[in-house]
Amino acid sequence: YTGFLGGSVWILFVNLLIFLVIRTYPQQHVELKKLWLPLVLIIVP
């Protein structure tokens, strides 16, 4: 349905979401529970 560029979007989007979770480190403690969204976006596809 998407071709291999669909895989590129998938990789980039998950990378971005993970970064947004950890971007405040070390000024703020990283809440690992916030990784649930990128984890879902890995598992569902």
PDB file of all heavy atoms in Angstrom:
ATOM      1  N   TYR A   1       0.811  -1.218   0.000  1.00  0.00           N
ATOM      2  CA  TYR A   1       0.000   0.000   0.000  1.00  0.00           C
ATOM      3  C   TYR A   1       0.849   1.274   0.000  1.00  0.00           C
ATOM      4  O   TYR A   1       0.443   2.286  -0.576  1.00  0.00           O
ATOM      5  CB  TYR A   1      -0.921   0.021   1.222  1.00  0.00           C
ATOM      6  CG  TYR A   1      -1.880  -1.140   1.261  1.00  0.00           C
ATOM      7  CD1 TYR A   1      -1.644  -2.233   2.080  1.00  0.00           C
ATOM      8  CD2 TYR A   1      -3.017  -1.156   0.455  1.00  0.00           C
ATOM      9  CE1 TYR A   1      -2.506  -3.314   2.118  1.00  0.00           C
ATOM     10  CE2 TYR A   1      -3.897  -2.241   0.475  1.00  0.00           C
ATOM     11  CZ  TYR A   1      -3.627  -3.317   1.308  1.00  0.00           C
ATOM     12  OH  TYR A   1      -4.486  -4.394   1.336  1.00  0.00           O
ATOM     13  N   THR A   2       2.000   1.248   0.636  1.00  0.00           N
ATOM     14  CA  THR A   2       2.784   2.471   0.814  1.00  0.00           C
ATOM     15  C   THR A   2       4.087   2.498   0.032  1.00  0.00           C
ATOM     16  O   THR A   2       4.664   3.575  -0.158  1.00  0.00           O
ATOM     17  CB  THR A   2       3.143   2.671   2.292  1.00  0.00           C
ATOM     18  OG1 THR A   2       4.085   1.662   2.695  1.00  0.00           O
ATOM     19  CG2 THR A   2       1.911   2.595   3.186  1.00  0.00           C
ATOM     20  N   GLY A   3       4.584   1.332  -0.378  1.00  0.00           N
ATOM     21  CA  GLY A   3       5.927   1.277  -0.908  1.00  0.00           C
ATOM     22  C   GLY A   3       6.940   1.450   0.210  1.00  0.00           C
ATOM     23  O   GLY A   3       6.593   1.673   1.376  1.00  0.00           O
ATOM     24  N   PHE A   4       8.234   1.361  -0.127  1.00  0.00           N
ATOM     25  CA  PHE A   4       9.241   1.378   0.924  1.00  0.00           C
ATOM     26  C   PHE A   4       9.421   2.742   1.586  1.00  0.00           C
ATOM     27  O   PHE A   4       9.939   2.831   2.693  1.00  0.00           O
ATOM     28  CB  PHE A   4      10.575   0.817   0.447  1.00  0.00           C
ATOM     29  CG  PHE A   4      11.311   1.611  -0.609  1.00  0.00           C
ATOM     30  CD1 PHE A   4      12.688   1.590  -0.645  1.00  0.00           C
ATOM     31  CD2 PHE A   4      10.655   2.341  -1.573  1.00  0.00           C
ATOM     32  CE1 PHE A   4      13.398   2.289  -1.612  1.00  0.00           C
ATOM     33  CE2 PHE A   4      11.347   3.054  -2.544  1.00  0.00           C
ATOM     34  CZ  PHE A   4      12.711   3.020  -2.561  1.00  0.00           C
ATOM     35  N   LEU A   5       8.938   3.818   0.956  1.00  0.00           N
ATOM     36  CA  LEU A   5       8.991   5.112   1.616  1.00  0.00           C
ATOM     37  C   LEU A   5       8.017   5.182   2.790  1.00  0.00           C
ATOM     38  O   LEU A   5       8.194   6.011   3.694  1.00  0.00           O
ATOM     39  CB  LEU A   5       8.714   6.244   0.624  1.00  0.00           C
ATOM     40  CG  LEU A   5       9.810   6.493  -0.418  1.00  0.00           C
ATOM     41  CD1 LEU A   5       9.511   7.757  -1.218  1.00  0.00           C
ATOM     42  CD2 LEU A   5      11.182   6.599   0.218  1.00  0.00           C
ATOM     43  N   GLY A   6       7.016   4.316   2.797  1.00  0.00           N
ATOM     44  CA  GLY A   6       6.174   4.200   3.980  1.00  0.00           C
ATOM     45  C   GLY A   6       6.982   3.745   5.178  1.00  0.00           C
ATOM     46  O   GLY A   6       6.752   4.185   6.313  1.00  0.00           O
ATOM     47  N   GLY A   7       7.943   2.868   4.948  1.00  0.00           N
ATOM     48  CA  GLY A   7       8.847   2.443   6.007  1.00  0.00           C
ATOM     49  C   GLY A   7       9.726   3.585   6.484  1.00  0.00           C
ATOM     50  O   GLY A   7      10.033   3.694   7.685  1.00  0.00           O
ATOM     51  N   SER A   8      10.141   4.455   5.572  1.00  0.00           N
ATOM     52  CA  SER A   8      10.941   5.617   5.956  1.00  0.00           C
ATOM     53  C   SER A   8      10.149   6.536   6.892  1.00  0.00           C
ATOM     54  O   SER A   8      10.671   7.003   7.911  1.00  0.00           O
ATOM     55  CB  SER A   8      11.373   6.399   4.712  1.00  0.00           C
ATOM     56  OG  SER A   8      12.202   5.624   3.875  1.00  0.00           O
ATOM     57  N   VAL A   9       8.893   6.801   6.545  1.00  0.00           N
ATOM     58  CA  VAL A   9       8.043   7.641   7.402  1.00  0.00           C
ATOM     59  C   VAL A   9       7.889   7.014   8.781  1.00  0.00           C
ATOM     60  O   VAL A   9       7.968   7.697   9.810  1.00  0.00           O
ATOM     61  CB  VAL A   9       6.667   7.864   6.745  1.00  0.00           C
ATOM     62  CG1 VAL A   9       5.726   8.596   7.705  1.00  0.00           C
ATOM     63  CG2 VAL A   9       6.807   8.640   5.447  1.00  0.00           C
ATOM     64  N   TRP A  10       7.681   5.712   8.815  1.00  0.00           N
ATOM     65  CA  TRP A  10       7.517   4.976  10.075  1.00  0.00           C
ATOM     66  C   TRP A  10       8.748   5.165  10.977  1.00  0.00           C
ATOM     67  O   TRP A  10       8.635   5.508  12.162  1.00  0.00           O
ATOM     68  CB  TRP A  10       7.293   3.509   9.758  1.00  0.00           C
ATOM     69  CG  TRP A  10       6.912   2.623  10.901  1.00  0.00           C
ATOM     70  CD1 TRP A  10       6.239   2.965  12.035  1.00  0.00           C
ATOM     71  CD2 TRP A  10       7.175   1.225  10.994  1.00  0.00           C
ATOM     72  NE1 TRP A  10       6.058   1.863  12.835  1.00  0.00           N
ATOM     73  CE2 TRP A  10       6.628   0.783  12.218  1.00  0.00           C
ATOM     74  CE3 TRP A  10       7.809   0.301  10.169  1.00  0.00           C
ATOM     75  CZ2 TRP A  10       6.700  -0.548  12.637  1.00  0.00           C
ATOM     76  CZ3 TRP A  10       7.872  -1.020  10.578  1.00  0.00           C
ATOM     77  CH2 TRP A  10       7.329  -1.440  11.801  1.00  0.00           C
ATOM     78  N   ILE A  11       9.913   4.946  10.423  1.00  0.00           N
ATOM     79  CA  ILE A  11      11.160   5.078  11.187  1.00  0.00           C
ATOM     80  C   ILE A  11      11.342   6.502  11.706  1.00  0.00           C
ATOM     81  O   ILE A  11      11.635   6.727  12.887  1.00  0.00           O
ATOM     82  CB  ILE A  11      12.359   4.672  10.310  1.00  0.00           C
ATOM     83  CG1 ILE A  11      12.357   3.168  10.057  1.00  0.00           C
ATOM     84  CG2 ILE A  11      13.680   5.099  10.954  1.00  0.00           C
ATOM     85  CD1 ILE A  11      13.349   2.712   8.999  1.00  0.00           C
ATOM     86  N   LEU A  12      11.150   7.486  10.850  1.00  0.00           N
ATOM     87  CA  LEU A  12      11.376   8.879  11.231  1.00  0.00           C
ATOM     88  C   LEU A  12      10.381   9.344  12.290  1.00  0.00           C
ATOM     89  O   LEU A  12      10.754  10.058  13.242  1.00  0.00           O
ATOM     90  CB  LEU A  12      11.291   9.766   9.994  1.00  0.00           C
ATOM     91  CG  LEU A  12      12.380   9.544   8.936  1.00  0.00           C
ATOM     92  CD1 LEU A  12      11.989  10.193   7.626  1.00  0.00           C
ATOM     93  CD2 LEU A  12      13.720  10.081   9.410  1.00  0.00           C
ATOM     94  N   PHE A  13       9.134   8.945  12.149  1.00  0.00           N
ATOM     95  CA  PHE A  13       8.089   9.366  13.083  1.00  0.00           C
ATOM     96  C   PHE A  13       8.360   8.795  14.475  1.00  0.00           C
ATOM     97  O   PHE A  13       8.270   9.515  15.483  1.00  0.00           O
ATOM     98  CB  PHE A  13       6.718   8.918  12.571  1.00  0.00           C
ATOM     99  CG  PHE A  13       5.561   9.532  13.292  1.00  0.00           C
ATOM    100  CD1 PHE A  13       5.640  10.808  13.833  1.00  0.00           C
ATOM    101  CD2 PHE A  13       4.375   8.830  13.433  1.00  0.00           C
ATOM    102  CE1 PHE A  13       4.557  11.376  14.497  1.00  0.00           C
ATOM    103  CE2 PHE A  13       3.289   9.378  14.104  1.00  0.00           C
ATOM    104  CZ  PHE A  13       3.376  10.662  14.628  1.00  0.00           C
ATOM    105  N   VAL A  14       8.719   7.528  14.558  1.00  0.00           N
ATOM    106  CA  VAL A  14       9.008   6.916  15.852  1.00  0.00           C
ATOM    107  C   VAL A  14      10.250   7.559  16.475  1.00  0.00           C
ATOM    108  O   VAL A  14      10.276   7.845  17.684  1.00  0.00           O
ATOM    109  CB  VAL A  14       9.182   5.391  15.712  1.00  0.00           C
ATOM    110  CG1 VAL A  14       9.663   4.779  17.034  1.00  0.00           C
ATOM    111  CG2 VAL A  14       7.871   4.740  15.284  1.00  0.00           C
ATOM    112  N   ASN A  15      11.281   7.797  15.679  1.00  0.00           N
ATOM    113  CA  ASN A  15      12.466   8.490  16.185  1.00  0.00           C
ATOM    114  C   ASN A  15      12.107   9.837  16.801  1.00  0.00           C
ATOM    115  O   ASN A  15      12.585  10.192  17.889  1.00  0.00           O
ATOM    116  CB  ASN A  15      13.479   8.710  15.054  1.00  0.00           C
ATOM    117  CG  ASN A  15      14.480   7.600  14.911  1.00  0.00           C
ATOM    118  OD1 ASN A  15      15.531   7.592  15.559  1.00  0.00           O
ATOM    119  ND2 ASN A  15      14.161   6.629  14.072  1.00  0.00           N
ATOM    120  N   LEU A  16      11.265  10.591  16.114  1.00  0.00           N
ATOM    121  CA  LEU A  16      10.874  11.909  16.591  1.00  0.00           C
ATOM    122  C   LEU A  16      10.112  11.818  17.905  1.00  0.00           C
ATOM    123  O   LEU A  16      10.360  12.593  18.847  1.00  0.00           O
ATOM    124  CB  LEU A  16      10.031  12.608  15.525  1.00  0.00           C
ATOM    125  CG  LEU A  16       9.557  14.026  15.848  1.00  0.00           C
ATOM    126  CD1 LEU A  16      10.747  14.951  16.105  1.00  0.00           C
ATOM    127  CD2 LEU A  16       8.699  14.569  14.714  1.00  0.00           C
ATOM    128  N   LEU A  17       9.190  10.867  18.012  1.00  0.00           N
ATOM    129  CA  LEU A  17       8.414  10.718  19.234  1.00  0.00           C
ATOM    130  C   LEU A  17       9.292  10.323  20.417  1.00  0.00           C
ATOM    131  O   LEU A  17       9.118  10.824  21.534  1.00  0.00           O
ATOM    132  CB  LEU A  17       7.308   9.684  19.026  1.00  0.00           C
ATOM    133  CG  LEU A  17       6.177  10.094  18.075  1.00  0.00           C
ATOM    134  CD1 LEU A  17       5.191   8.945  17.906  1.00  0.00           C
ATOM    135  CD2 LEU A  17       5.459  11.342  18.584  1.00  0.00           C
ATOM    136  N   ILE A  18      10.239   9.421  20.175  1.00  0.00           N
ATOM    137  CA  ILE A  18      11.155   9.019  21.259  1.00  0.00           C
ATOM    138  C   ILE A  18      11.986  10.215  21.703  1.00  0.00           C
ATOM    139  O   ILE A  18      12.179  10.454  22.905  1.00  0.00           O
ATOM    140  CB  ILE A  18      12.054   7.855  20.807  1.00  0.00           C
ATOM    141  CG1 ILE A  18      11.217   6.584  20.574  1.00  0.00           C
ATOM    142  CG2 ILE A  18      13.141   7.587  21.840  1.00  0.00           C
ATOM    143  CD1 ILE A  18      12.001   5.428  20.010  1.00  0.00           C
ATOM    144  N   PHE A  19      12.471  10.987  20.748  1.00  0.00           N
ATOM    145  CA  PHE A  19      13.259  12.171  21.102  1.00  0.00           C
ATOM    146  C   PHE A  19      12.447  13.152  21.941  1.00  0.00           C
ATOM    147  O   PHE A  19      12.953  13.712  22.929  1.00  0.00           O
ATOM    148  CB  PHE A  19      13.762  12.868  19.834  1.00  0.00           C
ATOM    149  CG  PHE A  19      14.189  14.280  20.059  1.00  0.00           C
ATOM    150  CD1 PHE A  19      15.362  14.562  20.760  1.00  0.00           C
ATOM    151  CD2 PHE A  19      13.420  15.344  19.611  1.00  0.00           C
ATOM    152  CE1 PHE A  19      15.761  15.868  20.994  1.00  0.00           C
ATOM    153  CE2 PHE A  19      13.811  16.653  19.834  1.00  0.00           C
ATOM    154  CZ  PHE A  19      14.980  16.915  20.533  1.00  0.00           C
ATOM    155  N   LEU A  20      11.193  13.377  21.574  1.00  0.00           N
ATOM    156  CA  LEU A  20      10.369  14.333  22.306  1.00  0.00           C
ATOM    157  C   LEU A  20      10.146  13.900  23.752  1.00  0.00           C
ATOM    158  O   LEU A  20       9.911  14.742  24.632  1.00  0.00           O
ATOM    159  CB  LEU A  20       9.028  14.524  21.594  1.00  0.00           C
ATOM    160  CG  LEU A  20       9.105  15.231  20.229  1.00  0.00           C
ATOM    161  CD1 LEU A  20       7.749  15.268  19.550  1.00  0.00           C
ATOM    162  CD2 LEU A  20       9.681  16.634  20.369  1.00  0.00           C
ATOM    163  N   VAL A  21      10.227  12.600  24.014  1.00  0.00           N
ATOM    164  CA  VAL A  21      10.099  12.111  25.382  1.00  0.00           C
ATOM    165  C   VAL A  21      11.357  12.397  26.190  1.00  0.00           C
ATOM    166  O   VAL A  21      11.290  12.783  27.364  1.00  0.00           O
ATOM    167  CB  VAL A  21       9.782  10.599  25.395  1.00  0.00           C
ATOM    168  CG1 VAL A  21       9.848  10.036  26.818  1.00  0.00           C
ATOM    169  CG2 VAL A  21       8.413  10.342  24.789  1.00  0.00           C
ATOM    170  N   ILE A  22      12.536  12.237  25.588  1.00  0.00           N
ATOM    171  CA  ILE A  22      13.789  12.328  26.346  1.00  0.00           C
ATOM    172  C   ILE A  22      14.489  13.677  26.182  1.00  0.00           C
ATOM    173  O   ILE A  22      15.554  13.891  26.750  1.00  0.00           O
ATOM    174  CB  ILE A  22      14.749  11.176  25.946  1.00  0.00           C
ATOM    175  CG1 ILE A  22      15.149  11.272  24.455  1.00  0.00           C
ATOM    176  CG2 ILE A  22      14.111   9.832  26.225  1.00  0.00           C
ATOM    177  CD1 ILE A  22      16.453  11.913  24.179  1.00  0.00           C
ATOM    178  N   ARG A  23      13.908  14.597  25.435  1.00  0.00           N
ATOM    179  CA  ARG A  23      14.603  15.829  25.070  1.00  0.00           C
ATOM    180  C   ARG A  23      14.926  16.729  26.263  1.00  0.00           C
ATOM    181  O   ARG A  23      15.816  17.573  26.191  1.00  0.00           O
ATOM    182  CB  ARG A  23      13.796  16.614  24.034  1.00  0.00           C
ATOM    183  CG  ARG A  23      12.469  17.159  24.535  1.00  0.00           C
ATOM    184  CD  ARG A  23      11.639  17.699  23.388  1.00  0.00           C
ATOM    185  NE  ARG A  23      12.209  18.914  22.869  1.00  0.00           N
ATOM    186  CZ  ARG A  23      11.620  20.118  22.976  1.00  0.00           C
ATOM    187  NH1 ARG A  23      10.462  20.238  23.600  1.00  0.00           N
ATOM    188  NH2 ARG A  23      12.187  21.183  22.459  1.00  0.00           N
ATOM    189  N   THR A  24      14.206  16.590  27.376  1.00  0.00           N
ATOM    190  CA  THR A  24      14.437  17.469  28.528  1.00  0.00           C
ATOM    191  C   THR A  24      15.553  16.974  29.434  1.00  0.00           C
ATOM    192  O   THR A  24      15.908  17.645  30.401  1.00  0.00           O
ATOM    193  CB  THR A  24      13.152  17.606  29.349  1.00  0.00           C
ATOM    194  OG1 THR A  24      12.723  16.300  29.768  1.00  0.00           O
ATOM    195  CG2 THR A  24      12.051  18.254  28.526  1.00  0.00           C
ATOM    196  N   TYR A  25      16.118  15.810  29.134  1.00  0.00           N
ATOM    197  CA  TYR A  25      17.194  15.276  29.966  1.00  0.00           C
ATOM    198  C   TYR A  25      18.488  16.059  29.694  1.00  0.00           C
ATOM    199  O   TYR A  25      18.758  16.398  28.537  1.00  0.00           O
ATOM    200  CB  TYR A  25      17.415  13.788  29.661  1.00  0.00           C
ATOM    201  CG  TYR A  25      18.443  13.160  30.573  1.00  0.00           C
ATOM    202  CD1 TYR A  25      18.071  12.682  31.815  1.00  0.00           C
ATOM    203  CD2 TYR A  25      19.783  13.108  30.208  1.00  0.00           C
ATOM    204  CE1 TYR A  25      19.027  12.136  32.667  1.00  0.00           C
ATOM    205  CE2 TYR A  25      20.738  12.574  31.051  1.00  0.00           C
ATOM    206  CZ  TYR A  25      20.345  12.086  32.286  1.00  0.00           C
ATOM    207  OH  TYR A  25      21.283  11.559  33.141  1.00  0.00           O
ATOM    208  N   PRO A  26      19.307  16.417  30.707  1.00  0.00           N
ATOM    209  CA  PRO A  26      19.212  16.026  32.120  1.00  0.00           C
ATOM    210  C   PRO A  26      18.533  17.063  33.006  1.00  0.00           C
ATOM    211  O   PRO A  26      18.512  16.902  34.217  1.00  0.00           O
ATOM    212  CB  PRO A  26      20.684  15.881  32.509  1.00  0.00           C
ATOM    213  CG  PRO A  26      21.358  16.953  31.709  1.00  0.00           C
ATOM    214  CD  PRO A  26      20.609  17.034  30.411  1.00  0.00           C
ATOM    215  N   GLN A  27      17.984  18.134  32.383  1.00  0.00           N
ATOM    216  CA  GLN A  27      17.360  19.168  33.201  1.00  0.00           C
ATOM    217  C   GLN A  27      16.154  18.622  33.971  1.00  0.00           C
ATOM    218  O   GLN A  27      15.869  19.037  35.089  1.00  0.00           O
ATOM    219  CB  GLN A  27      16.911  20.350  32.325  1.00  0.00           C
ATOM    220  CG  GLN A  27      18.059  21.175  31.770  1.00  0.00           C
ATOM    221  CD  GLN A  27      18.718  20.516  30.574  1.00  0.00           C
ATOM    222  OE1 GLN A  27      18.140  19.596  29.991  1.00  0.00           O
ATOM    223  NE2 GLN A  27      19.923  20.970  30.216  1.00  0.00           N
ATOM    224  N   GLN A  28      15.435  17.696  33.331  1.00  0.00           N
ATOM    225  CA  GLN A  28      14.265  17.089  33.973  1.00  0.00           C
ATOM    226  C   GLN A  28      14.365  15.577  33.884  1.00  0.00           C
ATOM    227  O   GLN A  28      14.968  15.033  32.952  1.00  0.00           O
ATOM    228  CB  GLN A  28      12.971  17.561  33.296  1.00  0.00           C
ATOM    229  CG  GLN A  28      12.724  19.058  33.386  1.00  0.00           C
ATOM    230  CD  GLN A  28      11.453  19.454  32.668  1.00  0.00           C
ATOM    231  OE1 GLN A  28      10.565  18.640  32.466  1.00  0.00           O
ATOM    232  NE2 GLN A  28      11.368  20.725  32.279  1.00  0.00           N
ATOM    233  N   HIS A  29      13.749  14.920  34.861  1.00  0.00           N
ATOM    234  CA  HIS A  29      13.736  13.460  34.860  1.00  0.00           C
ATOM    235  C   HIS A  29      12.858  12.946  33.719  1.00  0.00           C
ATOM    236  O   HIS A  29      11.766  13.474  33.476  1.00  0.00           O
ATOM    237  CB  HIS A  29      13.196  12.953  36.208  1.00  0.00           C
ATOM    238  CG  HIS A  29      13.122  11.459  36.290  1.00  0.00           C
ATOM    239  ND1 HIS A  29      14.254  10.659  36.310  1.00  0.00           N
ATOM    240  CD2 HIS A  29      12.054  10.617  36.314  1.00  0.00           C
ATOM    241  CE1 HIS A  29      13.885   9.393  36.365  1.00  0.00           C
ATOM    242  NE2 HIS A  29      12.553   9.342  36.378  1.00  0.00           N
ATOM    243  N   VAL A  30      13.327  11.954  33.024  1.00  0.00           N
ATOM    244  CA  VAL A  30      12.578  11.368  31.904  1.00  0.00           C
ATOM    245  C   VAL A  30      11.536  10.388  32.450  1.00  0.00           C
ATOM    246  O   VAL A  30      11.870   9.463  33.198  1.00  0.00           O
ATOM    247  CB  VAL A  30      13.519  10.647  30.927  1.00  0.00           C
ATOM    248  CG1 VAL A  30      12.707   9.954  29.834  1.00  0.00           C
ATOM    249  CG2 VAL A  30      14.496  11.628  30.306  1.00  0.00           C
ATOM    250  N   GLU A  31      10.288  10.602  32.084  1.00  0.00           N
ATOM    251  CA  GLU A  31       9.213   9.692  32.479  1.00  0.00           C
ATOM    252  C   GLU A  31       9.079   8.612  31.404  1.00  0.00           C
ATOM    253  O   GLU A  31       8.529   8.855  30.334  1.00  0.00           O
ATOM    254  CB  GLU A  31       7.904  10.455  32.652  1.00  0.00           C
ATOM    255  CG  GLU A  31       7.929  11.489  33.775  1.00  0.00           C
ATOM    256  CD  GLU A  31       6.578  12.155  33.952  1.00  0.00           C
ATOM    257  OE1 GLU A  31       5.571  11.437  33.992  1.00  0.00           O
ATOM    258  OE2 GLU A  31       6.542  13.395  34.047  1.00  0.00           O
ATOM    259  N   LEU A  32       9.594   7.430  31.735  1.00  0.00           N
ATOM    260  CA  LEU A  32       9.608   6.342  30.749  1.00  0.00           C
ATOM    261  C   LEU A  32       8.202   5.925  30.323  1.00  0.00           C
ATOM    262  O   LEU A  32       8.015   5.401  29.221  1.00  0.00           O
ATOM    263  CB  LEU A  32      10.371   5.148  31.315  1.00  0.00           C
ATOM    264  CG  LEU A  32      11.869   5.389  31.579  1.00  0.00           C
ATOM    265  CD1 LEU A  32      12.510   4.128  32.143  1.00  0.00           C
ATOM    266  CD2 LEU A  32      12.582   5.818  30.304  1.00  0.00           C
ATOM    267  N   LYS A  33       7.205   6.191  31.189  1.00  0.00           N
ATOM    268  CA  LYS A  33       5.843   5.791  30.830  1.00  0.00           C
ATOM    269  C   LYS A  33       5.341   6.560  29.600  1.00  0.00           C
ATOM    270  O   LYS A  33       4.402   6.125  28.926  1.00  0.00           O
ATOM    271  CB  LYS A  33       4.900   5.996  31.999  1.00  0.00           C
ATOM    272  CG  LYS A  33       4.733   7.438  32.445  1.00  0.00           C
ATOM    273  CD  LYS A  33       3.797   7.531  33.644  1.00  0.00           C
ATOM    274  CE  LYS A  33       3.606   8.992  34.082  1.00  0.00           C
ATOM    275  NZ  LYS A  33       2.712   9.082  35.253  1.00  0.00           N
ATOM    276  N   LYS A  34       5.993   7.703  29.317  1.00  0.00           N
ATOM    277  CA  LYS A  34       5.587   8.461  28.141  1.00  0.00           C
ATOM    278  C   LYS A  34       6.030   7.801  26.838  1.00  0.00           C
ATOM    279  O   LYS A  34       5.653   8.257  25.761  1.00  0.00           O
ATOM    280  CB  LYS A  34       6.154   9.878  28.219  1.00  0.00           C
ATOM    281  CG  LYS A  34       5.522  10.720  29.313  1.00  0.00           C
ATOM    282  CD  LYS A  34       6.064  12.142  29.296  1.00  0.00           C
ATOM    283  CE  LYS A  34       5.410  13.004  30.364  1.00  0.00           C
ATOM    284  NZ  LYS A  34       5.942  14.393  30.356  1.00  0.00           N
ATOM    285  N   LEU A  35       6.836   6.765  26.932  1.00  0.00           N
ATOM    286  CA  LEU A  35       7.251   6.033  25.732  1.00  0.00           C
ATOM    287  C   LEU A  35       6.161   5.116  25.190  1.00  0.00           C
ATOM    288  O   LEU A  35       6.375   4.419  24.202  1.00  0.00           O
ATOM    289  CB  LEU A  35       8.511   5.212  26.030  1.00  0.00           C
ATOM    290  CG  LEU A  35       9.807   6.009  26.235  1.00  0.00           C
ATOM    291  CD1 LEU A  35      10.914   5.102  26.731  1.00  0.00           C
ATOM    292  CD2 LEU A  35      10.227   6.696  24.943  1.00  0.00           C
ATOM    293  N   TRP A  36       4.995   5.116  25.832  1.00  0.00           N
ATOM    294  CA  TRP A  36       3.945   4.201  25.392  1.00  0.00           C
ATOM    295  C   TRP A  36       3.498   4.502  23.953  1.00  0.00           C
ATOM    296  O   TRP A  36       3.213   3.588  23.183  1.00  0.00           O
ATOM    297  CB  TRP A  36       2.732   4.284  26.328  1.00  0.00           C
ATOM    298  CG  TRP A  36       1.969   5.579  26.245  1.00  0.00           C
ATOM    299  CD1 TRP A  36       2.158   6.700  26.988  1.00  0.00           C
ATOM    300  CD2 TRP A  36       0.888   5.872  25.338  1.00  0.00           C
ATOM    301  NE1 TRP A  36       1.291   7.694  26.613  1.00  0.00           N
ATOM    302  CE2 TRP A  36       0.490   7.214  25.602  1.00  0.00           C
ATOM    303  CE3 TRP A  36       0.232   5.166  24.344  1.00  0.00           C
ATOM    304  CZ2 TRP A  36      -0.529   7.837  24.911  1.00  0.00           C
ATOM    305  CZ3 TRP A  36      -0.791   5.790  23.644  1.00  0.00           C
ATOM    306  CH2 TRP A  36      -1.164   7.097  23.926  1.00  0.00           C
ATOM    307  N   LEU A  37       3.461   5.799  23.577  1.00  0.00           N
ATOM    308  CA  LEU A  37       2.983   6.133  22.227  1.00  0.00           C
ATOM    309  C   LEU A  37       3.940   5.640  21.143  1.00  0.00           C
ATOM    310  O   LEU A  37       3.495   4.958  20.199  1.00  0.00           O
ATOM    311  CB  LEU A  37       2.757   7.637  22.105  1.00  0.00           C
ATOM    312  CG  LEU A  37       2.225   8.111  20.742  1.00  0.00           C
ATOM    313  CD1 LEU A  37       0.943   7.392  20.363  1.00  0.00           C
ATOM    314  CD2 LEU A  37       2.018   9.632  20.747  1.00  0.00           C
ATOM    315  N   PRO A  38       5.253   5.951  21.222  1.00  0.00           N
ATOM    316  CA  PRO A  38       6.138   5.374  20.189  1.00  0.00           C
ATOM    317  C   PRO A  38       6.153   3.859  20.200  1.00  0.00           C
ATOM    318  O   PRO A  38       6.283   3.238  19.144  1.00  0.00           O
ATOM    319  CB  PRO A  38       7.521   5.949  20.533  1.00  0.00           C
ATOM    320  CG  PRO A  38       7.412   6.524  21.890  1.00  0.00           C
ATOM    321  CD  PRO A  38       5.991   6.893  22.097  1.00  0.00           C
ATOM    322  N   LEU A  39       5.991   3.252  21.391  1.00  0.00           N
ATOM    323  CA  LEU A  39       5.950   1.797  21.451  1.00  0.00           C
ATOM    324  C   LEU A  39       4.731   1.254  20.718  1.00  0.00           C
ATOM    325  O   LEU A  39       4.818   0.257  19.979  1.00  0.00           O
ATOM    326  CB  LEU A  39       5.948   1.340  22.913  1.00  0.00           C
ATOM    327  CG  LEU A  39       6.121  -0.157  23.163  1.00  0.00           C
ATOM    328  CD1 LEU A  39       7.458  -0.650  22.594  1.00  0.00           C
ATOM    329  CD2 LEU A  39       6.023  -0.476  24.651  1.00  0.00           C
ATOM    330  N   VAL A  40       3.596   1.906  20.899  1.00  0.00           N
ATOM    331  CA  VAL A  40       2.375   1.501  20.186  1.00  0.00           C
ATOM    332  C   VAL A  40       2.558   1.661  18.684  1.00  0.00           C
ATOM    333  O   VAL A  40       2.140   0.807  17.887  1.00  0.00           O
ATOM    334  CB  VAL A  40       1.166   2.325  20.672  1.00  0.00           C
ATOM    335  CG1 VAL A  40      -0.031   2.154  19.730  1.00  0.00           C
ATOM    336  CG2 VAL A  40       0.776   1.899  22.086  1.00  0.00           C
ATOM    337  N   LEU A  41       3.222   2.757  18.288  1.00  0.00           N
ATOM    338  CA  LEU A  41       3.413   3.016  16.865  1.00  0.00           C
ATOM    339  C   LEU A  41       4.449   2.084  16.236  1.00  0.00           C
ATOM    340  O   LEU A  41       4.561   2.020  15.017  1.00  0.00           O
ATOM    341  CB  LEU A  41       3.820   4.467  16.645  1.00  0.00           C
ATOM    342  CG  LEU A  41       2.689   5.479  16.865  1.00  0.00           C
ATOM    343  CD1 LEU A  41       3.204   6.899  16.726  1.00  0.00           C
ATOM    344  CD2 LEU A  41       1.549   5.247  15.875  1.00  0.00           C
ATOM    345  N   ILE A  42       5.212   1.398  17.051  1.00  0.00           N
ATOM    346  CA  ILE A  42       6.078   0.332  16.541  1.00  0.00           C
ATOM    347  C   ILE A  42       5.285  -0.970  16.430  1.00  0.00           C
ATOM    348  O   ILE A  42       5.324  -1.655  15.404  1.00  0.00           O
ATOM    349  CB  ILE A  42       7.299   0.131  17.463  1.00  0.00           C
ATOM    350  CG1 ILE A  42       8.240   1.329  17.397  1.00  0.00           C
ATOM    351  CG2 ILE A  42       8.067  -1.138  17.054  1.00  0.00           C
ATOM    352  CD1 ILE A  42       9.378   1.285  18.412  1.00  0.00           C
ATOM    353  N   ILE A  43       4.529  -1.293  17.471  1.00  0.00           N
ATOM    354  CA  ILE A  43       3.877  -2.598  17.558  1.00  0.00           C
ATOM    355  C   ILE A  43       2.708  -2.731  16.598  1.00  0.00           C
ATOM    356  O   ILE A  43       2.556  -3.761  15.920  1.00  0.00           O
ATOM    357  CB  ILE A  43       3.413  -2.854  19.009  1.00  0.00           C
ATOM    358  CG1 ILE A  43       4.628  -3.011  19.926  1.00  0.00           C
ATOM    359  CG2 ILE A  43       2.523  -4.099  19.085  1.00  0.00           C
ATOM    360  CD1 ILE A  43       4.283  -3.118  21.393  1.00  0.00           C
ATOM    361  N   VAL A  44       1.875  -1.686  16.493  1.00  0.00           N
ATOM    362  CA  VAL A  44       0.651  -1.801  15.690  1.00  0.00           C
ATOM    363  C   VAL A  44       0.947  -2.101  14.213  1.00  0.00           C
ATOM    364  O   VAL A  44       0.356  -3.030  13.637  1.00  0.00           O
ATOM    365  CB  VAL A  44      -0.225  -0.538  15.848  1.00  0.00           C
ATOM    366  CG1 VAL A  44      -1.357  -0.537  14.811  1.00  0.00           C
ATOM    367  CG2 VAL A  44      -0.805  -0.476  17.252  1.00  0.00           C
ATOM    368  N   PRO A  45       1.852  -1.355  13.533  1.00  0.00           N
ATOM    369  CA  PRO A  45       2.137  -1.717  12.134  1.00  0.00           C
ATOM    370  C   PRO A  45       2.715  -3.130  11.979  1.00  0.00           C
ATOM    371  O   PRO A  45       2.445  -3.796  10.968  1.00  0.00           O
ATOM    372  CB  PRO A  45       3.160  -0.659  11.705  1.00  0.00           C
ATOM    373  CG  PRO A  45       2.892   0.505  12.585  1.00  0.00           C
ATOM    374  CD  PRO A  45       2.521  -0.093  13.908  1.00  0.00           C
TER     375      PRO A  45
END
